[in-house]
Amino acid sequence: MPEGYDYLFKLLLIGDSGVGKVTQLLKEDAFTDSYLSTIGVDFKIRTVEFEGKTMKLQIWDTAGQERFRTISQAYYRGAHGIVIVYDVTDGESFENVKGWLTEIERHAQEGVKRLLIGNKSDLAERKVVAYSVAKEFADEKGIPFLETSAKTSTNVEEAFLALAKTIKENFDSQPEQASSSKSGTVTPGLGRSLSGDQEQKGNDGCAC
């Protein structure tokens, strides 16, 4: 796989314990590498193509690891997109989405793109959070919404691609964001690392 890329986006996955590690639903060969940052959070690298441009996705998945609330500022720094995950068979995890949205408002950069995912939709007989209820909530918050299936991987691939496309389109419409060191973004076309994450990674050996 070529080393060059046009965009490098940091995506976060957050949610209560037991909602499911969404990146595990993606095929392992879809990732070019895995890393462990100095703050103890695993992240994976995925490269996708869209409209002739190469987008490198740095996916941090701490869904179900609530202890990372204590390091939220470091975790949210430089994020371009955040996926909030709940379990469709666990009503409390859906109710707690409001709290996660508050965390995003408190710690993430302004204008970060969000996506709501209802995981484990294959467990239809145990489902307690109706699609219509979650969709109405997401619409009220202005957040795209998808249900995903751990059994069939339904909509998982689509979720990541949709979020990446939305972020790219936002960058293209506001090019000044691409050169902002405050947001930790990468200048399109240069293929350089996220400035915000370089401080976090330290000596973990990640050259992404």
N, C-alpha and C. Protein backbone atom coordinates (compact mmCIF):
# COMPACT_ATOMS: atom_id res chain seq x y z
N MET A 1 0.85 -1.20 0.00
CA MET A 1 0.00 0.00 0.00
C MET A 1 0.88 1.23 0.00
N PRO A 2 0.58 2.24 -0.82
CA PRO A 2 1.40 3.42 -0.88
C PRO A 2 1.38 4.18 0.43
N GLU A 3 2.51 4.86 0.72
CA GLU A 3 2.62 5.59 1.97
C GLU A 3 1.89 6.93 1.92
N GLY A 4 1.75 7.51 0.71
CA GLY A 4 1.15 8.82 0.59
C GLY A 4 -0.34 8.82 0.81
N TYR A 5 -0.86 9.95 1.25
CA TYR A 5 -2.29 10.11 1.42
C TYR A 5 -2.61 11.60 1.34
N ASP A 6 -3.86 11.89 1.05
CA ASP A 6 -4.30 13.28 0.92
C ASP A 6 -4.90 13.83 2.20
N TYR A 7 -5.50 12.96 2.98
CA TYR A 7 -6.13 13.38 4.23
C TYR A 7 -5.84 12.35 5.32
N LEU A 8 -5.65 12.82 6.53
CA LEU A 8 -5.51 11.95 7.69
C LEU A 8 -6.52 12.39 8.74
N PHE A 9 -7.48 11.53 9.03
CA PHE A 9 -8.55 11.87 9.96
C PHE A 9 -8.52 10.98 11.19
N LYS A 10 -8.69 11.60 12.34
CA LYS A 10 -8.76 10.88 13.61
C LYS A 10 -10.22 10.68 13.97
N LEU A 11 -10.63 9.41 14.10
CA LEU A 11 -12.01 9.07 14.45
C LEU A 11 -12.04 8.39 15.82
N LEU A 12 -12.97 8.78 16.67
CA LEU A 12 -13.10 8.20 18.00
C LEU A 12 -14.40 7.41 18.11
N LEU A 13 -14.36 6.31 18.86
CA LEU A 13 -15.56 5.55 19.17
C LEU A 13 -15.73 5.55 20.68
N ILE A 14 -16.90 5.98 21.15
CA ILE A 14 -17.15 6.05 22.58
C ILE A 14 -18.50 5.41 22.90
N GLY A 15 -18.68 5.03 24.17
CA GLY A 15 -19.94 4.42 24.58
C GLY A 15 -19.77 3.66 25.88
N ASP A 16 -20.88 3.21 26.45
CA ASP A 16 -20.87 2.49 27.72
C ASP A 16 -20.23 1.10 27.58
N SER A 17 -19.94 0.51 28.74
CA SER A 17 -19.43 -0.86 28.77
C SER A 17 -20.46 -1.81 28.16
N GLY A 18 -19.98 -2.74 27.34
CA GLY A 18 -20.85 -3.76 26.78
C GLY A 18 -21.51 -3.41 25.48
N VAL A 19 -21.27 -2.20 24.96
CA VAL A 19 -21.94 -1.83 23.71
C VAL A 19 -21.29 -2.48 22.50
N GLY A 20 -20.05 -2.95 22.67
CA GLY A 20 -19.38 -3.65 21.58
C GLY A 20 -18.27 -2.83 20.97
N LYS A 21 -17.16 -3.51 20.67
CA LYS A 21 -16.03 -2.87 20.02
C LYS A 21 -16.28 -2.89 18.53
N VAL A 22 -16.70 -1.77 17.98
CA VAL A 22 -17.15 -1.73 16.60
C VAL A 22 -16.04 -2.05 15.61
N THR A 23 -14.80 -1.66 15.90
CA THR A 23 -13.74 -1.94 14.93
C THR A 23 -13.49 -3.43 14.79
N GLN A 24 -13.89 -4.22 15.78
CA GLN A 24 -13.73 -5.66 15.67
C GLN A 24 -14.70 -6.24 14.65
N LEU A 25 -15.74 -5.49 14.31
CA LEU A 25 -16.71 -5.97 13.33
C LEU A 25 -16.18 -5.81 11.90
N LEU A 26 -15.17 -4.98 11.74
CA LEU A 26 -14.56 -4.80 10.43
C LEU A 26 -13.54 -5.91 10.21
N LYS A 27 -13.33 -6.29 8.99
CA LYS A 27 -12.36 -7.32 8.68
C LYS A 27 -10.97 -6.86 9.09
N GLU A 28 -10.23 -7.73 9.76
CA GLU A 28 -8.91 -7.35 10.23
C GLU A 28 -7.98 -6.94 9.10
N ASP A 29 -8.14 -7.56 7.92
CA ASP A 29 -7.25 -7.21 6.82
C ASP A 29 -7.59 -5.86 6.22
N ALA A 30 -8.62 -5.21 6.75
CA ALA A 30 -8.96 -3.88 6.27
C ALA A 30 -8.06 -2.82 6.89
N PHE A 31 -7.32 -3.22 7.94
CA PHE A 31 -6.45 -2.28 8.61
C PHE A 31 -5.00 -2.54 8.22
N THR A 32 -4.24 -1.47 8.07
CA THR A 32 -2.84 -1.62 7.69
C THR A 32 -1.96 -1.89 8.90
N ASP A 33 -2.39 -1.47 10.08
CA ASP A 33 -1.58 -1.67 11.27
C ASP A 33 -2.37 -1.31 12.52
N SER A 34 -1.86 -1.76 13.66
CA SER A 34 -2.45 -1.42 14.94
C SER A 34 -1.38 -0.81 15.83
N TYR A 35 -1.78 0.09 16.70
CA TYR A 35 -0.83 0.75 17.58
C TYR A 35 -1.42 0.88 18.97
N LEU A 36 -0.55 1.08 19.96
CA LEU A 36 -0.98 1.37 21.32
C LEU A 36 -0.34 2.69 21.69
N SER A 37 -1.16 3.70 21.91
CA SER A 37 -0.63 5.03 22.21
C SER A 37 -0.13 5.09 23.65
N THR A 38 0.56 6.17 23.97
CA THR A 38 1.10 6.32 25.31
C THR A 38 0.02 6.55 26.36
N ILE A 39 -1.22 6.87 25.94
CA ILE A 39 -2.29 7.03 26.92
C ILE A 39 -3.08 5.74 27.09
N GLY A 40 -2.59 4.65 26.49
CA GLY A 40 -3.17 3.34 26.72
C GLY A 40 -4.37 2.98 25.90
N VAL A 41 -4.62 3.70 24.82
CA VAL A 41 -5.78 3.43 23.97
C VAL A 41 -5.32 2.83 22.65
N ASP A 42 -5.86 1.69 22.30
CA ASP A 42 -5.53 1.09 21.01
C ASP A 42 -6.17 1.89 19.88
N PHE A 43 -5.43 2.02 18.78
CA PHE A 43 -6.06 2.59 17.60
C PHE A 43 -5.54 1.87 16.37
N LYS A 44 -6.34 1.88 15.32
CA LYS A 44 -6.00 1.19 14.09
C LYS A 44 -5.99 2.17 12.93
N ILE A 45 -5.27 1.79 11.89
CA ILE A 45 -5.15 2.63 10.70
C ILE A 45 -5.88 1.96 9.54
N ARG A 46 -6.70 2.74 8.87
CA ARG A 46 -7.43 2.25 7.70
C ARG A 46 -7.29 3.28 6.59
N THR A 47 -7.07 2.83 5.36
CA THR A 47 -6.96 3.73 4.22
C THR A 47 -8.09 3.46 3.25
N VAL A 48 -8.80 4.52 2.86
CA VAL A 48 -9.93 4.39 1.93
C VAL A 48 -9.77 5.41 0.82
N GLU A 49 -10.39 5.12 -0.31
CA GLU A 49 -10.36 6.01 -1.47
C GLU A 49 -11.75 6.61 -1.68
N PHE A 50 -11.77 7.90 -2.00
CA PHE A 50 -13.05 8.57 -2.27
C PHE A 50 -12.81 9.75 -3.21
N GLU A 51 -13.51 9.72 -4.35
CA GLU A 51 -13.41 10.78 -5.34
C GLU A 51 -11.97 11.08 -5.74
N GLY A 52 -11.20 10.02 -5.92
CA GLY A 52 -9.83 10.17 -6.37
C GLY A 52 -8.85 10.60 -5.29
N LYS A 53 -9.29 10.69 -4.06
CA LYS A 53 -8.44 11.10 -2.95
C LYS A 53 -8.25 9.94 -1.98
N THR A 54 -7.07 9.88 -1.38
CA THR A 54 -6.76 8.85 -0.40
C THR A 54 -6.96 9.41 1.00
N MET A 55 -7.84 8.77 1.77
CA MET A 55 -8.10 9.19 3.14
C MET A 55 -7.57 8.12 4.10
N LYS A 56 -6.71 8.54 5.00
CA LYS A 56 -6.16 7.65 6.00
C LYS A 56 -6.93 7.88 7.30
N LEU A 57 -7.54 6.83 7.82
CA LEU A 57 -8.36 6.94 9.02
C LEU A 57 -7.64 6.34 10.22
N GLN A 58 -7.47 7.13 11.24
CA GLN A 58 -6.87 6.67 12.49
C GLN A 58 -8.03 6.45 13.46
N ILE A 59 -8.39 5.19 13.69
CA ILE A 59 -9.61 4.86 14.43
C ILE A 59 -9.28 4.44 15.87
N TRP A 60 -9.74 5.23 16.81
CA TRP A 60 -9.54 4.96 18.24
C TRP A 60 -10.84 4.40 18.79
N ASP A 61 -10.81 3.17 19.27
CA ASP A 61 -12.02 2.49 19.74
C ASP A 61 -11.93 2.20 21.23
N THR A 62 -12.56 3.04 22.04
CA THR A 62 -12.61 2.77 23.48
C THR A 62 -14.02 2.49 23.94
N ALA A 63 -14.93 2.23 23.01
CA ALA A 63 -16.31 1.91 23.40
C ALA A 63 -16.30 0.76 24.39
N GLY A 64 -16.94 0.96 25.54
CA GLY A 64 -16.96 -0.07 26.56
C GLY A 64 -15.82 0.03 27.55
N GLN A 65 -14.99 1.06 27.42
CA GLN A 65 -13.88 1.26 28.36
C GLN A 65 -14.09 2.60 29.06
N GLU A 66 -14.97 2.61 30.02
CA GLU A 66 -15.38 3.86 30.65
C GLU A 66 -14.26 4.54 31.42
N ARG A 67 -13.19 3.80 31.73
CA ARG A 67 -12.11 4.42 32.49
C ARG A 67 -11.46 5.55 31.71
N PHE A 68 -11.67 5.57 30.39
CA PHE A 68 -11.05 6.61 29.58
C PHE A 68 -11.76 7.95 29.72
N ARG A 69 -12.84 8.00 30.50
CA ARG A 69 -13.45 9.28 30.81
C ARG A 69 -12.45 10.16 31.56
N THR A 70 -11.57 9.55 32.32
CA THR A 70 -10.63 10.31 33.14
C THR A 70 -9.52 10.94 32.32
N ILE A 71 -9.34 10.51 31.08
CA ILE A 71 -8.30 11.10 30.24
C ILE A 71 -8.93 11.69 28.99
N SER A 72 -10.16 12.15 29.15
CA SER A 72 -10.94 12.58 28.00
C SER A 72 -10.31 13.70 27.20
N GLN A 73 -9.66 14.64 27.86
CA GLN A 73 -9.09 15.75 27.13
C GLN A 73 -8.02 15.28 26.15
N ALA A 74 -7.16 14.37 26.60
CA ALA A 74 -6.12 13.85 25.71
C ALA A 74 -6.73 12.99 24.61
N TYR A 75 -7.77 12.25 24.96
CA TYR A 75 -8.40 11.34 24.01
C TYR A 75 -9.14 12.09 22.91
N TYR A 76 -9.82 13.16 23.25
CA TYR A 76 -10.62 13.91 22.28
C TYR A 76 -9.79 14.89 21.45
N ARG A 77 -8.59 15.21 21.87
CA ARG A 77 -7.80 16.23 21.20
C ARG A 77 -7.55 15.89 19.73
N GLY A 78 -7.85 16.82 18.86
CA GLY A 78 -7.56 16.64 17.45
C GLY A 78 -8.51 15.73 16.71
N ALA A 79 -9.61 15.31 17.35
CA ALA A 79 -10.54 14.40 16.67
C ALA A 79 -11.33 15.14 15.60
N HIS A 80 -11.49 14.49 14.47
CA HIS A 80 -12.29 15.06 13.38
C HIS A 80 -13.70 14.48 13.36
N GLY A 81 -13.86 13.25 13.85
CA GLY A 81 -15.15 12.60 13.88
C GLY A 81 -15.29 11.72 15.11
N ILE A 82 -16.50 11.66 15.68
CA ILE A 82 -16.73 10.85 16.87
C ILE A 82 -17.98 10.01 16.67
N VAL A 83 -17.85 8.71 16.92
CA VAL A 83 -18.97 7.77 16.81
C VAL A 83 -19.42 7.41 18.22
N ILE A 84 -20.68 7.70 18.53
CA ILE A 84 -21.24 7.33 19.83
C ILE A 84 -22.01 6.02 19.65
N VAL A 85 -21.63 5.00 20.42
CA VAL A 85 -22.20 3.67 20.26
C VAL A 85 -23.05 3.30 21.48
N TYR A 86 -24.24 2.77 21.21
CA TYR A 86 -25.06 2.21 22.28
C TYR A 86 -25.51 0.81 21.86
N ASP A 87 -26.01 0.04 22.82
CA ASP A 87 -26.47 -1.33 22.60
C ASP A 87 -28.00 -1.31 22.48
N VAL A 88 -28.54 -1.77 21.35
CA VAL A 88 -29.99 -1.72 21.16
C VAL A 88 -30.74 -2.61 22.14
N THR A 89 -30.03 -3.53 22.82
CA THR A 89 -30.67 -4.40 23.81
C THR A 89 -30.52 -3.85 25.23
N ASP A 90 -29.91 -2.68 25.36
CA ASP A 90 -29.64 -2.08 26.67
C ASP A 90 -30.14 -0.64 26.67
N GLY A 91 -31.30 -0.43 27.26
CA GLY A 91 -31.90 0.89 27.28
C GLY A 91 -31.05 1.92 28.00
N GLU A 92 -30.35 1.49 29.04
CA GLU A 92 -29.52 2.43 29.80
C GLU A 92 -28.38 2.99 28.94
N SER A 93 -27.80 2.13 28.10
CA SER A 93 -26.70 2.59 27.25
C SER A 93 -27.19 3.66 26.27
N PHE A 94 -28.47 3.56 25.86
CA PHE A 94 -29.04 4.59 24.98
C PHE A 94 -29.29 5.87 25.76
N GLU A 95 -29.82 5.75 26.98
CA GLU A 95 -30.06 6.93 27.80
C GLU A 95 -28.76 7.67 28.08
N ASN A 96 -27.67 6.92 28.20
CA ASN A 96 -26.38 7.53 28.51
C ASN A 96 -25.74 8.23 27.32
N VAL A 97 -26.33 8.08 26.14
CA VAL A 97 -25.81 8.79 24.97
C VAL A 97 -25.81 10.29 25.23
N LYS A 98 -26.81 10.78 25.94
CA LYS A 98 -26.87 12.21 26.26
C LYS A 98 -25.62 12.65 27.02
N GLY A 99 -25.19 11.80 27.95
CA GLY A 99 -23.99 12.12 28.71
C GLY A 99 -22.74 12.13 27.84
N TRP A 100 -22.68 11.20 26.89
CA TRP A 100 -21.53 11.16 25.98
C TRP A 100 -21.51 12.39 25.08
N LEU A 101 -22.68 12.84 24.67
CA LEU A 101 -22.74 14.06 23.85
C LEU A 101 -22.25 15.27 24.64
N THR A 102 -22.55 15.28 25.94
CA THR A 102 -22.05 16.35 26.80
C THR A 102 -20.54 16.30 26.89
N GLU A 103 -19.99 15.08 26.97
CA GLU A 103 -18.53 14.92 27.01
C GLU A 103 -17.90 15.48 25.74
N ILE A 104 -18.55 15.22 24.60
CA ILE A 104 -18.04 15.73 23.33
C ILE A 104 -18.03 17.25 23.33
N GLU A 105 -19.14 17.85 23.77
CA GLU A 105 -19.23 19.31 23.81
C GLU A 105 -18.18 19.90 24.73
N ARG A 106 -17.86 19.18 25.78
CA ARG A 106 -16.93 19.68 26.79
C ARG A 106 -15.48 19.57 26.34
N HIS A 107 -15.15 18.50 25.64
CA HIS A 107 -13.73 18.22 25.38
C HIS A 107 -13.30 18.26 23.91
N ALA A 108 -14.23 18.03 22.98
CA ALA A 108 -13.84 17.97 21.57
C ALA A 108 -13.82 19.36 20.95
N GLN A 109 -13.14 19.46 19.81
CA GLN A 109 -13.08 20.75 19.13
C GLN A 109 -14.44 21.11 18.54
N GLU A 110 -14.68 22.38 18.41
CA GLU A 110 -15.96 22.85 17.87
C GLU A 110 -16.13 22.38 16.43
N GLY A 111 -17.33 21.92 16.11
CA GLY A 111 -17.61 21.49 14.74
C GLY A 111 -17.24 20.06 14.43
N VAL A 112 -16.79 19.29 15.44
CA VAL A 112 -16.43 17.90 15.19
C VAL A 112 -17.66 17.15 14.67
N LYS A 113 -17.46 16.27 13.71
CA LYS A 113 -18.57 15.52 13.13
C LYS A 113 -18.92 14.33 14.02
N ARG A 114 -20.22 14.07 14.18
CA ARG A 114 -20.69 13.01 15.07
C ARG A 114 -21.55 12.01 14.30
N LEU A 115 -21.58 10.79 14.81
CA LEU A 115 -22.41 9.73 14.23
C LEU A 115 -22.90 8.85 15.37
N LEU A 116 -24.21 8.55 15.40
CA LEU A 116 -24.78 7.68 16.43
C LEU A 116 -25.00 6.30 15.85
N ILE A 117 -24.53 5.28 16.57
CA ILE A 117 -24.67 3.89 16.13
C ILE A 117 -25.39 3.07 17.20
N GLY A 118 -26.43 2.34 16.79
CA GLY A 118 -27.09 1.38 17.65
C GLY A 118 -26.56 0.00 17.29
N ASN A 119 -25.73 -0.56 18.16
CA ASN A 119 -25.05 -1.83 17.86
C ASN A 119 -25.89 -3.03 18.33
N LYS A 120 -25.55 -4.20 17.81
CA LYS A 120 -26.20 -5.48 18.14
C LYS A 120 -27.64 -5.56 17.61
N SER A 121 -27.88 -4.97 16.47
CA SER A 121 -29.24 -4.98 15.91
C SER A 121 -29.68 -6.37 15.47
N ASP A 122 -28.75 -7.33 15.39
CA ASP A 122 -29.12 -8.69 15.02
C ASP A 122 -29.88 -9.40 16.14
N LEU A 123 -29.77 -8.88 17.36
CA LEU A 123 -30.46 -9.50 18.50
C LEU A 123 -31.88 -8.95 18.60
N ALA A 124 -32.65 -9.17 17.55
CA ALA A 124 -33.99 -8.56 17.43
C ALA A 124 -34.92 -8.94 18.58
N GLU A 125 -34.83 -10.18 19.05
CA GLU A 125 -35.74 -10.64 20.10
C GLU A 125 -35.45 -9.97 21.44
N ARG A 126 -34.26 -9.38 21.58
CA ARG A 126 -33.88 -8.73 22.84
C ARG A 126 -33.86 -7.21 22.71
N LYS A 127 -34.23 -6.71 21.57
CA LYS A 127 -34.14 -5.27 21.31
C LYS A 127 -35.13 -4.48 22.16
N VAL A 128 -34.64 -3.45 22.83
CA VAL A 128 -35.50 -2.62 23.67
C VAL A 128 -35.51 -1.15 23.22
N VAL A 129 -34.56 -0.78 22.38
CA VAL A 129 -34.50 0.59 21.86
C VAL A 129 -34.96 0.56 20.40
N ALA A 130 -36.16 1.04 20.15
CA ALA A 130 -36.71 1.02 18.80
C ALA A 130 -35.93 1.94 17.88
N TYR A 131 -35.83 1.53 16.62
CA TYR A 131 -35.14 2.34 15.62
C TYR A 131 -35.75 3.73 15.54
N SER A 132 -37.08 3.79 15.55
CA SER A 132 -37.78 5.08 15.41
C SER A 132 -37.45 6.03 16.55
N VAL A 133 -37.30 5.48 17.76
CA VAL A 133 -36.98 6.31 18.93
C VAL A 133 -35.58 6.89 18.80
N ALA A 134 -34.63 6.03 18.43
CA ALA A 134 -33.25 6.49 18.28
C ALA A 134 -33.11 7.47 17.13
N LYS A 135 -33.83 7.20 16.04
CA LYS A 135 -33.76 8.08 14.87
C LYS A 135 -34.32 9.46 15.21
N GLU A 136 -35.41 9.49 15.94
CA GLU A 136 -36.00 10.78 16.33
C GLU A 136 -35.04 11.57 17.21
N PHE A 137 -34.40 10.86 18.14
CA PHE A 137 -33.42 11.50 19.03
C PHE A 137 -32.25 12.06 18.22
N ALA A 138 -31.73 11.25 17.29
CA ALA A 138 -30.60 11.68 16.47
C ALA A 138 -30.97 12.89 15.61
N ASP A 139 -32.17 12.86 15.06
CA ASP A 139 -32.63 13.98 14.23
C ASP A 139 -32.71 15.26 15.04
N GLU A 140 -33.19 15.15 16.27
CA GLU A 140 -33.30 16.32 17.15
C GLU A 140 -31.92 16.91 17.44
N LYS A 141 -30.92 16.04 17.54
CA LYS A 141 -29.56 16.48 17.83
C LYS A 141 -28.78 16.83 16.57
N GLY A 142 -29.36 16.55 15.41
CA GLY A 142 -28.68 16.81 14.16
C GLY A 142 -27.52 15.87 13.90
N ILE A 143 -27.70 14.61 14.30
CA ILE A 143 -26.64 13.60 14.17
C ILE A 143 -27.10 12.48 13.24
N PRO A 144 -26.30 12.08 12.28
CA PRO A 144 -26.65 10.92 11.45
C PRO A 144 -26.75 9.68 12.33
N PHE A 145 -27.60 8.73 11.94
CA PHE A 145 -27.84 7.54 12.76
C PHE A 145 -27.90 6.28 11.92
N LEU A 146 -27.28 5.22 12.44
CA LEU A 146 -27.31 3.91 11.80
C LEU A 146 -27.41 2.83 12.87
N GLU A 147 -28.06 1.71 12.54
CA GLU A 147 -27.99 0.53 13.39
C GLU A 147 -27.01 -0.44 12.74
N THR A 148 -26.19 -1.08 13.57
CA THR A 148 -25.21 -2.04 13.06
C THR A 148 -25.44 -3.41 13.67
N SER A 149 -25.01 -4.44 12.97
CA SER A 149 -25.17 -5.81 13.44
C SER A 149 -23.81 -6.46 13.67
N ALA A 150 -23.60 -6.93 14.90
CA ALA A 150 -22.37 -7.63 15.22
C ALA A 150 -22.29 -8.97 14.48
N LYS A 151 -23.44 -9.53 14.18
CA LYS A 151 -23.48 -10.85 13.54
C LYS A 151 -23.22 -10.78 12.05
N THR A 152 -23.76 -9.76 11.40
CA THR A 152 -23.66 -9.67 9.94
C THR A 152 -22.79 -8.51 9.47
N SER A 153 -22.29 -7.70 10.41
CA SER A 153 -21.51 -6.49 10.09
C SER A 153 -22.30 -5.49 9.26
N THR A 154 -23.61 -5.57 9.32
CA THR A 154 -24.47 -4.65 8.58
C THR A 154 -24.21 -3.20 8.98
N ASN A 155 -23.98 -2.37 7.98
CA ASN A 155 -23.80 -0.92 8.12
C ASN A 155 -22.51 -0.49 8.80
N VAL A 156 -21.67 -1.41 9.24
CA VAL A 156 -20.42 -1.02 9.90
C VAL A 156 -19.50 -0.32 8.92
N GLU A 157 -19.27 -0.97 7.79
CA GLU A 157 -18.42 -0.38 6.75
C GLU A 157 -18.99 0.95 6.29
N GLU A 158 -20.29 0.98 6.08
CA GLU A 158 -20.96 2.19 5.61
C GLU A 158 -20.82 3.34 6.61
N ALA A 159 -20.84 3.01 7.89
CA ALA A 159 -20.76 4.04 8.92
C ALA A 159 -19.43 4.78 8.86
N PHE A 160 -18.33 4.02 8.78
CA PHE A 160 -17.02 4.65 8.72
C PHE A 160 -16.83 5.46 7.45
N LEU A 161 -17.26 4.92 6.33
CA LEU A 161 -17.11 5.62 5.06
C LEU A 161 -17.95 6.89 5.04
N ALA A 162 -19.17 6.82 5.54
CA ALA A 162 -20.04 7.99 5.55
C ALA A 162 -19.45 9.10 6.41
N LEU A 163 -18.90 8.73 7.56
CA LEU A 163 -18.31 9.74 8.45
C LEU A 163 -17.08 10.36 7.81
N ALA A 164 -16.24 9.53 7.20
CA ALA A 164 -15.03 10.04 6.55
C ALA A 164 -15.38 10.99 5.40
N LYS A 165 -16.39 10.64 4.63
CA LYS A 165 -16.82 11.50 3.52
C LYS A 165 -17.33 12.84 4.02
N THR A 166 -18.09 12.80 5.11
CA THR A 166 -18.63 14.04 5.68
C THR A 166 -17.50 14.95 6.15
N ILE A 167 -16.50 14.37 6.79
CA ILE A 167 -15.37 15.16 7.26
C ILE A 167 -14.61 15.76 6.09
N LYS A 168 -14.37 14.95 5.06
CA LYS A 168 -13.66 15.43 3.88
C LYS A 168 -14.40 16.60 3.23
N GLU A 169 -15.70 16.44 3.06
CA GLU A 169 -16.50 17.49 2.43
C GLU A 169 -16.46 18.77 3.25
N ASN A 170 -16.43 18.63 4.57
CA ASN A 170 -16.35 19.80 5.44
C ASN A 170 -15.01 20.50 5.27
N PHE A 171 -13.93 19.71 5.15
CA PHE A 171 -12.61 20.28 4.95
C PHE A 171 -12.52 21.00 3.61
N ASP A 172 -13.10 20.39 2.60
CA ASP A 172 -13.05 20.98 1.27
C ASP A 172 -13.80 22.30 1.21
N SER A 173 -14.86 22.41 2.01
CA SER A 173 -15.66 23.64 2.00
C SER A 173 -15.05 24.72 2.89
N GLN A 174 -14.18 24.30 3.82
CA GLN A 174 -13.51 25.25 4.71
C GLN A 174 -12.02 24.93 4.75
N PRO A 175 -11.31 25.21 3.67
CA PRO A 175 -9.90 24.82 3.54
C PRO A 175 -8.99 25.37 4.62
N GLU A 176 -9.40 26.46 5.28
CA GLU A 176 -8.53 27.01 6.31
C GLU A 176 -8.39 26.06 7.49
N GLN A 177 -9.36 25.16 7.66
CA GLN A 177 -9.28 24.19 8.75
C GLN A 177 -8.12 23.24 8.55
N ALA A 178 -7.79 22.96 7.31
CA ALA A 178 -6.78 21.97 7.02
C ALA A 178 -5.40 22.38 7.47
N SER A 179 -5.17 23.67 7.66
CA SER A 179 -3.85 24.14 8.07
C SER A 179 -3.84 24.61 9.51
N SER A 180 -4.91 24.33 10.24
CA SER A 180 -5.02 24.79 11.62
C SER A 180 -4.29 23.86 12.57
N SER A 181 -3.24 24.36 13.20
CA SER A 181 -2.49 23.52 14.15
C SER A 181 -3.30 23.29 15.41
N LYS A 182 -4.24 24.19 15.71
CA LYS A 182 -5.05 24.04 16.91
C LYS A 182 -5.92 22.81 16.84
N SER A 183 -6.45 22.52 15.65
CA SER A 183 -7.34 21.37 15.51
C SER A 183 -6.59 20.08 15.29
N GLY A 184 -5.26 20.17 15.09
CA GLY A 184 -4.48 18.96 14.88
C GLY A 184 -4.74 18.31 13.56
N THR A 185 -5.11 19.08 12.55
CA THR A 185 -5.45 18.50 11.27
C THR A 185 -4.25 18.43 10.36
N VAL A 186 -4.44 17.77 9.24
CA VAL A 186 -3.37 17.62 8.27
C VAL A 186 -3.72 18.43 7.03
N THR A 187 -2.74 19.08 6.46
CA THR A 187 -2.96 19.84 5.24
C THR A 187 -3.15 18.89 4.08
N PRO A 188 -4.28 18.94 3.38
CA PRO A 188 -4.53 18.03 2.27
C PRO A 188 -3.41 18.08 1.25
N GLY A 189 -2.97 16.89 0.82
CA GLY A 189 -1.95 16.80 -0.21
C GLY A 189 -0.55 16.62 0.34
N LEU A 190 -0.32 17.01 1.61
CA LEU A 190 1.02 16.90 2.16
C LEU A 190 1.27 15.55 2.80
N GLY A 191 0.22 14.90 3.28
CA GLY A 191 0.38 13.59 3.88
C GLY A 191 1.22 13.59 5.12
N ARG A 192 0.98 14.52 6.01
CA ARG A 192 1.74 14.59 7.25
C ARG A 192 0.88 14.14 8.43
N SER A 193 1.55 13.84 9.54
CA SER A 193 0.84 13.32 10.70
C SER A 193 0.03 14.40 11.38
N LEU A 194 -0.96 13.97 12.16
CA LEU A 194 -1.76 14.90 12.94
C LEU A 194 -0.90 15.51 14.02
N SER A 195 -0.81 16.83 14.04
CA SER A 195 0.04 17.49 15.02
C SER A 195 -0.45 17.25 16.44
N GLY A 196 -1.75 17.19 16.63
CA GLY A 196 -2.29 17.00 17.96
C GLY A 196 -1.96 15.65 18.54
N ASP A 197 -1.84 14.63 17.69
CA ASP A 197 -1.59 13.28 18.18
C ASP A 197 -0.13 13.00 18.42
N GLN A 198 0.75 13.77 17.82
CA GLN A 198 2.17 13.50 17.96
C GLN A 198 2.58 13.60 19.42
N GLU A 199 1.95 14.53 20.16
CA GLU A 199 2.27 14.67 21.56
C GLU A 199 1.82 13.45 22.33
N GLN A 200 0.67 12.87 21.95
CA GLN A 200 0.12 11.73 22.66
C GLN A 200 0.94 10.48 22.43
N LYS A 201 1.41 10.29 21.19
CA LYS A 201 2.03 9.03 20.85
C LYS A 201 3.41 8.88 21.46
N GLY A 202 4.11 10.01 21.61
CA GLY A 202 5.41 9.94 22.23
C GLY A 202 6.33 9.00 21.50
N ASN A 203 6.83 7.99 22.23
CA ASN A 203 7.77 7.04 21.67
C ASN A 203 7.13 5.70 21.38
N ASP A 204 5.87 5.70 21.01
CA ASP A 204 5.19 4.43 20.79
C ASP A 204 5.52 3.83 19.43
N GLY A 205 6.28 4.56 18.62
CA GLY A 205 6.74 4.01 17.35
C GLY A 205 5.79 4.19 16.21
N CYS A 206 4.69 4.89 16.41
CA CYS A 206 3.75 5.10 15.32
C CYS A 206 4.23 6.21 14.42
N ALA A 207 4.42 5.89 13.16
CA ALA A 207 4.87 6.90 12.21
C ALA A 207 3.74 7.33 11.31
N CYS A 208 2.49 7.06 11.71
CA CYS A 208 1.36 7.37 10.85
C CYS A 208 1.04 8.86 10.89
